[in-house]
Amino acid sequence: MRRFVLVVLDSFGVGAMDDCPAVRPGSVGQNTALHLIERKNLYLPTLEKLGIMNAIGKETGRMHFCPEANYAVSELAHFGADTFQGHQEIIGTKPKEPVFQSVLSHMDETEEDLKANGFRTKRYTKDGNTLLIVNDSVTVADNMESDPGQVINVSGTFDVSDFDTVVKIGQIVRRHYQTSRVIALGGENVPFSQMLDSVICRGEFIGLDTSKSGVYHQGYQCRHLGYGVDETKQAPHALREVGVTTYMYGKAADILINDHGVNFPGVETGYLLDGLIRDLGEVREKAFFCLNVQETDLAGHQCDPDAYAKALEISDEKLAVILRMLDDDDVMIVMADHGNDPYSGSNLHSRERVPVLIRNTAFSGRYFGVRKTMADVGQTVAHYFGTQLENGEAIF
């Protein structure tokens, strides 16, 4: 058996990076994993066994070091602390450094392009800030959960404009902004008036409070359109060239290109991990499985440590099931992509090192140091299947 499982606990960082005082001072002092485990007195036996406290570098409460754990800690090579950029890095590529732009900065040309492609547009203003409405059912606005100016959201109600239409609008918007991402998203049974009621402003930025807009509640779909991302340099493409299928779950299926693999979208933690467990029981050939646990990050944005703890406890329970299903020559890595400390008082990501917890029966009690880029994980996946990527160094 040759299966590689990668689970990303979105935003479960293990301490601010050394460059934070200079490049991201708001992240100084943040340590998402430690603060949650310490202040909620969490007991996560599977993560403990995999070495989460080793990666944090401190024991606390009921959680202790594991001498048998194999682990590393990775710095972020991408600019800032971003889920999209982070996953591109993890999977083996280094995106171009984005430009921070508000939706207003290129609204004129974006609106003209949309009109030229047959879309109806109008503007909506609140507190002196303006967003764009398309076909009375889609907003083009700033993302209010990420760093200001890093992401443009194209949010729609599928009761009027279907997902393909929202994606087409997003692709037109993508042509006019150099932000890290343009996200095309939406849901069903969402009154457009409810979406507008969720509009918030912060300085020069205006956008939806996505959790209050209603788009997550039913029929949610999402497509992340990256800036300067070359999917041919990523692990799924390299693995396809050597006959290995990639399975992606949750937000990983939204933000990574896996057109020739199997994608399992969704948000709810137990649902996604159960999907992975089902597939592990059925797939016996060589395969790469990549899953993102998004509810941890959503809880961080909402500054809700209780919800974050619940998602961690569900993940820990399901990871125990996965460990029991793995054969001796299967490998699993559990890691994060940045931080999002719910105790920080901020709803923004924190620039934190991330744990890289390794299940590999070929060795025990190994520390693989501080990695300079999360692309080392993607290179490790490629190396495991007998191929290679341009970026990163294999961890083992």
Protein backbone atom coordinates (compact mmCIF):
# COMPACT_ATOMS: atom_id res chain seq x y z
CA MET A 1 0.00 0.00 0.00
CA ARG A 2 1.29 3.47 -0.89
CA ARG A 3 -1.11 6.12 0.36
CA PHE A 4 -0.22 9.60 1.63
CA VAL A 5 -2.71 11.52 3.78
CA LEU A 6 -2.30 15.25 4.43
CA VAL A 7 -4.67 16.93 6.90
CA VAL A 8 -4.41 20.70 7.33
CA LEU A 9 -5.93 22.03 10.55
CA ASP A 10 -6.54 25.47 9.13
CA SER A 11 -5.00 28.22 11.29
CA PHE A 12 -3.64 25.93 14.06
CA GLY A 13 -0.29 27.72 14.32
CA VAL A 14 2.29 27.19 17.07
CA GLY A 15 3.68 30.67 17.71
CA ALA A 16 4.49 33.96 16.02
CA MET A 17 7.35 34.01 13.54
CA ASP A 18 10.47 36.00 14.35
CA ASP A 19 9.79 38.51 11.56
CA CYS A 20 6.40 39.56 12.97
CA PRO A 21 7.64 42.72 14.72
CA ALA A 22 8.79 44.03 11.35
CA VAL A 23 6.21 42.66 8.91
CA ARG A 24 3.11 41.80 10.98
CA PRO A 25 3.25 43.37 14.44
CA GLY A 26 -0.34 42.37 15.20
CA SER A 27 0.77 38.73 15.34
CA VAL A 28 3.38 39.27 18.05
CA GLY A 29 2.61 37.11 21.08
CA GLN A 30 0.02 34.97 19.34
CA ASN A 31 0.15 31.19 19.65
CA THR A 32 -3.10 29.64 18.51
CA ALA A 33 -2.43 26.03 19.50
CA LEU A 34 -0.90 26.75 22.89
CA HIS A 35 -3.52 29.27 23.96
CA LEU A 36 -6.42 27.00 23.00
CA ILE A 37 -4.98 23.90 24.67
CA GLU A 38 -3.94 25.85 27.76
CA ARG A 39 -6.98 28.02 28.32
CA LYS A 40 -9.62 25.44 27.34
CA ASN A 41 -7.72 22.67 29.18
CA LEU A 42 -8.09 20.55 26.06
CA TYR A 43 -7.12 16.91 25.89
CA LEU A 44 -6.42 15.86 22.30
CA PRO A 45 -4.87 12.40 22.64
CA THR A 46 -4.33 11.77 18.93
CA LEU A 47 -2.59 15.09 18.34
CA GLU A 48 -0.60 14.51 21.53
CA LYS A 49 0.55 11.15 20.16
CA LEU A 50 1.48 12.77 16.86
CA GLY A 51 3.60 15.37 18.69
CA ILE A 52 1.65 18.63 18.83
CA MET A 53 3.20 19.57 22.19
CA ASN A 54 6.66 18.75 20.79
CA ALA A 55 5.99 21.21 17.99
CA ILE A 56 4.68 23.86 20.41
CA GLY A 57 7.73 23.25 22.60
CA LYS A 58 5.83 23.29 25.89
CA GLU A 59 3.70 20.94 27.96
CA THR A 60 0.55 22.27 29.55
CA GLY A 61 -2.39 20.86 31.48
CA ARG A 62 -3.25 17.36 30.33
CA MET A 63 -1.14 17.57 27.16
CA HIS A 64 2.46 16.33 27.17
CA PHE A 65 5.43 15.70 24.90
CA CYS A 66 5.48 12.39 23.03
CA PRO A 67 9.00 10.86 22.83
CA GLU A 68 7.98 8.63 19.89
CA ALA A 69 6.56 11.44 17.77
CA ASN A 70 8.07 12.45 14.43
CA TYR A 71 7.67 16.16 13.78
CA ALA A 72 8.98 19.38 12.33
CA VAL A 73 8.01 23.03 12.54
CA SER A 74 7.69 25.14 9.41
CA GLU A 75 7.96 28.84 8.79
CA LEU A 76 5.80 30.56 6.19
CA ALA A 77 7.61 31.51 3.01
CA HIS A 78 4.65 33.34 1.50
CA PHE A 79 3.90 36.96 2.24
CA GLY A 80 1.57 37.51 5.19
CA ALA A 81 -0.57 34.70 6.61
CA ASP A 82 -3.12 33.50 4.12
CA THR A 83 -5.01 30.24 3.63
CA PHE A 84 -4.93 30.41 -0.15
CA GLN A 85 -1.28 31.41 -0.42
CA GLY A 86 -0.42 28.96 2.33
CA HIS A 87 -1.99 26.01 0.54
CA GLN A 88 -0.29 26.92 -2.73
CA GLU A 89 2.97 26.91 -0.79
CA ILE A 90 2.17 23.61 0.94
CA ILE A 91 1.38 21.89 -2.32
CA GLY A 92 4.70 22.93 -3.82
CA THR A 93 4.57 26.30 -5.52
CA LYS A 94 5.51 29.84 -4.61
CA PRO A 95 2.86 32.34 -5.77
CA LYS A 96 3.72 35.85 -6.87
CA GLU A 97 3.60 38.44 -4.15
CA PRO A 98 0.16 40.06 -4.36
CA VAL A 99 -0.76 43.72 -4.34
CA PHE A 100 -3.08 45.07 -1.65
CA GLN A 101 -6.06 46.73 -3.34
CA SER A 102 -9.55 47.76 -2.31
CA VAL A 103 -12.51 46.85 -4.49
CA LEU A 104 -12.95 50.54 -5.30
CA SER A 105 -9.42 50.81 -6.74
CA HIS A 106 -10.35 49.11 -10.02
CA MET A 107 -14.13 49.30 -9.94
CA ASP A 108 -14.51 51.49 -13.01
CA GLU A 109 -12.74 49.18 -15.45
CA THR A 110 -14.22 46.10 -13.80
CA GLU A 111 -17.72 47.48 -14.22
CA GLU A 112 -17.08 48.31 -17.87
CA ASP A 113 -15.77 44.80 -18.54
CA LEU A 114 -18.80 43.22 -16.86
CA LYS A 115 -21.16 45.38 -18.93
CA ALA A 116 -19.28 44.46 -22.10
CA ASN A 117 -19.93 40.81 -21.26
CA GLY A 118 -23.67 41.29 -20.87
CA PHE A 119 -23.98 41.78 -17.10
CA ARG A 120 -26.08 44.48 -15.44
CA THR A 121 -24.30 46.50 -12.77
CA LYS A 122 -25.04 49.16 -10.19
CA ARG A 123 -23.28 50.52 -7.14
CA TYR A 124 -24.23 50.26 -3.48
CA THR A 125 -22.87 52.75 -0.96
CA LYS A 126 -22.69 52.53 2.83
CA ASP A 127 -20.83 54.85 5.20
CA GLY A 128 -19.16 56.49 2.23
CA ASN A 129 -17.81 53.22 0.82
CA THR A 130 -18.99 51.56 -2.39
CA LEU A 131 -19.32 48.00 -3.63
CA LEU A 132 -20.59 46.68 -6.97
CA ILE A 133 -23.84 44.77 -7.52
CA VAL A 134 -24.18 42.52 -10.58
CA ASN A 135 -27.53 41.28 -11.92
CA ASP A 136 -29.23 42.26 -8.64
CA SER A 137 -27.91 39.04 -7.08
CA VAL A 138 -24.11 39.20 -6.79
CA THR A 139 -21.82 41.57 -4.88
CA VAL A 140 -18.24 42.42 -5.82
CA ALA A 141 -16.64 43.66 -2.61
CA ASP A 142 -13.70 43.47 -0.25
CA ASN A 143 -13.20 40.32 1.82
CA MET A 144 -13.67 41.36 5.43
CA GLU A 145 -12.16 38.25 7.04
CA SER A 146 -8.70 38.40 5.47
CA ASP A 147 -6.10 41.16 5.62
CA PRO A 148 -7.60 44.36 4.22
CA GLY A 149 -6.95 44.58 0.48
CA GLN A 150 -5.75 41.02 0.03
CA VAL A 151 -8.93 39.40 -1.32
CA ILE A 152 -11.92 40.42 -3.42
CA ASN A 153 -15.15 38.45 -2.82
CA VAL A 154 -17.71 37.82 -5.54
CA SER A 155 -20.71 36.62 -3.49
CA GLY A 156 -24.02 35.51 -4.94
CA THR A 157 -27.39 34.04 -4.16
CA PHE A 158 -27.83 30.95 -6.32
CA ASP A 159 -31.59 31.52 -6.23
CA VAL A 160 -31.00 34.10 -8.98
CA SER A 161 -27.49 33.54 -10.41
CA ASP A 162 -26.15 29.97 -10.47
CA PHE A 163 -22.62 29.06 -9.41
CA ASP A 164 -21.25 28.98 -12.97
CA THR A 165 -22.49 32.55 -13.46
CA VAL A 166 -20.88 33.70 -10.22
CA VAL A 167 -17.60 32.06 -11.27
CA LYS A 168 -17.78 33.78 -14.68
CA ILE A 169 -18.22 37.12 -12.93
CA GLY A 170 -15.27 36.23 -10.69
CA GLN A 171 -13.08 35.44 -13.68
CA ILE A 172 -13.83 38.87 -15.17
CA VAL A 173 -13.07 40.54 -11.85
CA ARG A 174 -9.81 38.56 -11.61
CA ARG A 175 -8.53 40.31 -14.75
CA HIS A 176 -8.52 43.69 -13.01
CA TYR A 177 -7.02 43.04 -9.57
CA GLN A 178 -3.62 41.84 -8.40
CA THR A 179 -4.88 40.74 -5.00
CA SER A 180 -3.93 37.31 -3.69
CA ARG A 181 -7.37 35.92 -4.46
CA VAL A 182 -10.69 36.62 -6.03
CA ILE A 183 -13.20 34.30 -4.36
CA ALA A 184 -16.40 33.37 -6.19
CA LEU A 185 -18.89 31.99 -3.68
CA GLY A 186 -22.53 31.70 -2.82
CA GLY A 187 -25.39 29.64 -1.49
CA GLU A 188 -29.01 28.71 -1.98
CA ASN A 189 -32.12 30.08 -0.28
CA VAL A 190 -30.39 33.38 0.46
CA PRO A 191 -32.46 36.55 0.01
CA PHE A 192 -30.30 39.19 -1.63
CA SER A 193 -31.65 41.70 0.89
CA GLN A 194 -30.10 39.57 3.65
CA MET A 195 -26.74 39.74 1.88
CA LEU A 196 -26.95 43.54 1.73
CA ASP A 197 -28.01 43.69 5.37
CA SER A 198 -24.70 41.96 6.24
CA VAL A 199 -22.56 44.67 4.61
CA ILE A 200 -19.94 46.12 6.94
CA CYS A 201 -17.28 48.80 6.49
CA ARG A 202 -13.79 49.06 7.94
CA GLY A 203 -11.81 52.13 6.90
CA GLU A 204 -11.79 52.31 3.12
CA PHE A 205 -12.96 48.69 2.76
CA ILE A 206 -16.50 47.43 2.33
CA GLY A 207 -17.81 43.89 2.10
CA LEU A 208 -20.13 41.25 3.51
CA ASP A 209 -19.90 39.65 6.91
CA THR A 210 -19.97 36.30 5.14
CA SER A 211 -21.08 34.28 8.14
CA LYS A 212 -24.11 36.59 8.56
CA SER A 213 -24.92 36.82 4.86
CA GLY A 214 -26.42 33.32 4.82
CA VAL A 215 -24.38 31.88 1.96
CA TYR A 216 -22.88 29.12 4.11
CA HIS A 217 -26.20 27.67 5.24
CA GLN A 218 -27.41 25.74 2.18
CA GLY A 219 -25.86 24.68 -1.12
CA TYR A 220 -22.62 26.56 -0.46
CA GLN A 221 -20.08 26.48 -3.30
CA CYS A 222 -16.80 28.32 -3.67
CA ARG A 223 -13.99 28.80 -6.21
CA HIS A 224 -10.72 30.56 -5.33
CA LEU A 225 -9.06 32.32 -8.26
CA GLY A 226 -5.41 32.91 -7.42
CA TYR A 227 -2.91 35.48 -8.59
CA GLY A 228 0.14 34.14 -10.38
CA VAL A 229 -0.48 30.48 -9.47
CA ASP A 230 0.84 27.81 -11.86
CA GLU A 231 -0.91 24.54 -11.09
CA THR A 232 1.51 22.61 -13.32
CA LYS A 233 4.13 23.14 -10.59
CA GLN A 234 1.94 21.61 -7.90
CA ALA A 235 1.89 18.10 -6.49
CA PRO A 236 -1.46 16.97 -8.00
CA HIS A 237 -0.15 17.66 -11.51
CA ALA A 238 3.16 15.89 -10.85
CA LEU A 239 1.38 12.92 -9.29
CA ARG A 240 -1.01 12.59 -12.23
CA GLU A 241 2.02 12.32 -14.50
CA VAL A 242 3.09 9.18 -12.60
CA GLY A 243 -0.40 7.68 -12.37
CA VAL A 244 -1.33 8.72 -8.82
CA THR A 245 -4.83 10.08 -8.13
CA THR A 246 -5.33 13.04 -5.79
CA TYR A 247 -8.39 13.24 -3.52
CA MET A 248 -9.20 16.65 -2.04
CA TYR A 249 -11.67 17.47 0.72
CA GLY A 250 -13.25 20.68 2.00
CA LYS A 251 -11.55 23.99 1.35
CA ALA A 252 -8.58 22.19 -0.22
CA ALA A 253 -10.94 21.28 -3.06
CA ASP A 254 -11.90 24.95 -3.41
CA ILE A 255 -8.46 26.56 -3.44
CA LEU A 256 -6.24 23.96 -5.11
CA ILE A 257 -6.48 22.81 -8.71
CA ASN A 258 -7.37 19.13 -8.96
CA ASP A 259 -9.26 18.91 -12.24
CA HIS A 260 -8.16 15.32 -12.90
CA GLY A 261 -8.67 14.02 -9.39
CA VAL A 262 -11.57 13.52 -7.00
CA ASN A 263 -12.99 16.49 -5.09
CA PHE A 264 -15.21 16.34 -2.00
CA PRO A 265 -16.40 19.87 -1.12
CA GLY A 266 -17.92 20.94 2.16
CA VAL A 267 -17.28 22.79 5.42
CA GLU A 268 -18.47 20.67 8.38
CA THR A 269 -15.51 18.97 10.04
CA GLY A 270 -17.02 15.58 10.84
CA TYR A 271 -18.61 15.32 7.40
CA LEU A 272 -15.30 15.93 5.63
CA LEU A 273 -13.26 13.57 7.79
CA ASP A 274 -15.93 10.89 7.43
CA GLY A 275 -15.60 11.27 3.67
CA LEU A 276 -11.86 10.73 3.95
CA ILE A 277 -12.39 7.71 6.21
CA ARG A 278 -14.82 6.22 3.71
CA ASP A 279 -12.38 6.68 0.84
CA LEU A 280 -9.48 5.21 2.81
CA GLY A 281 -11.60 2.12 3.31
CA GLU A 282 -12.25 1.82 -0.41
CA VAL A 283 -9.10 3.07 -2.15
CA ARG A 284 -6.38 0.46 -2.04
CA GLU A 285 -4.07 1.73 -4.81
CA LYS A 286 -1.53 4.54 -4.71
CA ALA A 287 -3.27 7.81 -3.87
CA PHE A 288 -2.77 11.21 -2.26
CA PHE A 289 -5.47 12.52 0.09
CA CYS A 290 -5.52 16.21 1.08
CA LEU A 291 -8.10 17.61 3.51
CA ASN A 292 -8.58 21.07 4.99
CA VAL A 293 -10.41 21.46 8.32
CA GLN A 294 -11.93 24.90 7.79
CA GLU A 295 -14.11 25.23 10.88
CA THR A 296 -11.06 25.91 13.04
CA ASP A 297 -10.24 28.96 10.94
CA LEU A 298 -13.86 30.13 10.86
CA ALA A 299 -13.90 29.99 14.66
CA GLY A 300 -10.68 32.00 14.78
CA HIS A 301 -12.24 34.69 12.60
CA GLN A 302 -15.23 34.79 14.94
CA CYS A 303 -12.95 34.95 18.02
CA ASP A 304 -14.84 31.91 19.31
CA PRO A 305 -12.54 29.58 21.28
CA ASP A 306 -15.44 27.24 22.13
CA ALA A 307 -16.21 26.57 18.47
CA TYR A 308 -12.49 26.22 17.73
CA ALA A 309 -12.11 23.67 20.55
CA LYS A 310 -15.10 21.68 19.32
CA ALA A 311 -13.66 21.44 15.79
CA LEU A 312 -10.33 20.29 17.25
CA GLU A 313 -11.98 17.62 19.38
CA ILE A 314 -13.92 16.27 16.39
CA SER A 315 -10.73 16.28 14.31
CA ASP A 316 -8.78 14.49 17.02
CA GLU A 317 -11.40 11.74 17.29
CA LYS A 318 -11.54 11.22 13.52
CA LEU A 319 -7.73 11.29 13.18
CA ALA A 320 -7.60 8.38 15.62
CA VAL A 321 -9.84 6.39 13.26
CA ILE A 322 -7.65 7.30 10.30
CA LEU A 323 -4.48 6.21 12.10
CA ARG A 324 -6.00 2.79 12.72
CA MET A 325 -6.82 2.45 9.02
CA LEU A 326 -3.31 3.15 7.74
CA ASP A 327 -1.03 0.32 6.66
CA ASP A 328 2.62 0.23 7.68
CA ASP A 329 3.81 1.86 4.46
CA ASP A 330 1.14 4.56 4.40
CA VAL A 331 2.16 8.03 5.56
CA MET A 332 0.17 10.84 7.17
CA ILE A 333 1.10 14.45 7.90
CA VAL A 334 -1.06 16.72 10.06
CA MET A 335 -0.14 20.40 9.87
CA ALA A 336 -1.48 23.96 9.73
CA ASP A 337 -1.10 26.83 7.27
CA HIS A 338 -0.85 29.89 9.59
CA GLY A 339 -2.45 30.98 12.86
CA ASN A 340 -5.73 32.58 13.91
CA ASP A 341 -5.67 32.94 17.68
CA PRO A 342 -9.27 33.32 18.94
CA TYR A 343 -7.95 34.95 22.12
CA SER A 344 -6.16 37.74 20.25
CA GLY A 345 -9.13 40.09 19.96
CA SER A 346 -8.55 40.26 16.20
CA ASN A 347 -10.42 38.41 13.47
CA LEU A 348 -7.35 38.37 11.20
CA HIS A 349 -4.92 35.53 10.56
CA SER A 350 -1.71 35.53 12.56
CA ARG A 351 1.71 34.91 11.05
CA GLU A 352 2.69 31.82 13.02
CA ARG A 353 4.97 28.85 12.51
CA VAL A 354 3.04 25.67 11.85
CA PRO A 355 3.40 22.13 13.20
CA VAL A 356 4.29 19.31 10.80
CA LEU A 357 3.29 16.09 12.57
CA ILE A 358 4.40 12.93 10.77
CA ARG A 359 3.07 9.39 10.99
CA ASN A 360 5.62 7.14 9.29
CA THR A 361 6.39 3.69 10.69
CA ALA A 362 9.86 3.76 9.10
CA PHE A 363 11.17 5.87 12.00
CA SER A 364 10.28 7.00 15.51
CA GLY A 365 11.12 9.97 17.70
CA ARG A 366 12.61 12.03 14.84
CA TYR A 367 12.77 15.82 14.85
CA PHE A 368 13.15 17.23 11.35
CA GLY A 369 13.98 20.77 12.37
CA VAL A 370 12.57 24.13 11.36
CA ARG A 371 11.63 24.11 7.69
CA LYS A 372 12.02 27.38 5.81
CA THR A 373 9.00 26.75 3.60
CA MET A 374 5.86 24.66 3.78
CA ALA A 375 6.65 23.59 0.21
CA ASP A 376 8.85 20.95 1.84
CA VAL A 377 5.61 19.06 2.52
CA GLY A 378 4.59 19.08 -1.15
CA GLN A 379 8.08 17.96 -2.12
CA THR A 380 7.83 15.15 0.45
CA VAL A 381 4.57 14.00 -1.14
CA ALA A 382 6.16 14.03 -4.59
CA HIS A 383 9.26 12.19 -3.35
CA TYR A 384 7.11 9.52 -1.68
CA PHE A 385 5.56 8.71 -5.06
CA GLY A 386 8.83 8.77 -6.99
CA THR A 387 8.62 12.20 -8.60
CA GLN A 388 9.69 15.76 -7.71
CA LEU A 389 8.67 19.41 -7.73
CA GLU A 390 10.64 22.56 -8.45
CA ASN A 391 10.20 24.00 -4.95
CA GLY A 392 10.94 22.66 -1.49
CA GLU A 393 13.13 19.90 -0.05
CA ALA A 394 11.76 16.51 0.94
CA ILE A 395 11.56 16.12 4.71
CA PHE A 396 12.20 12.37 4.52
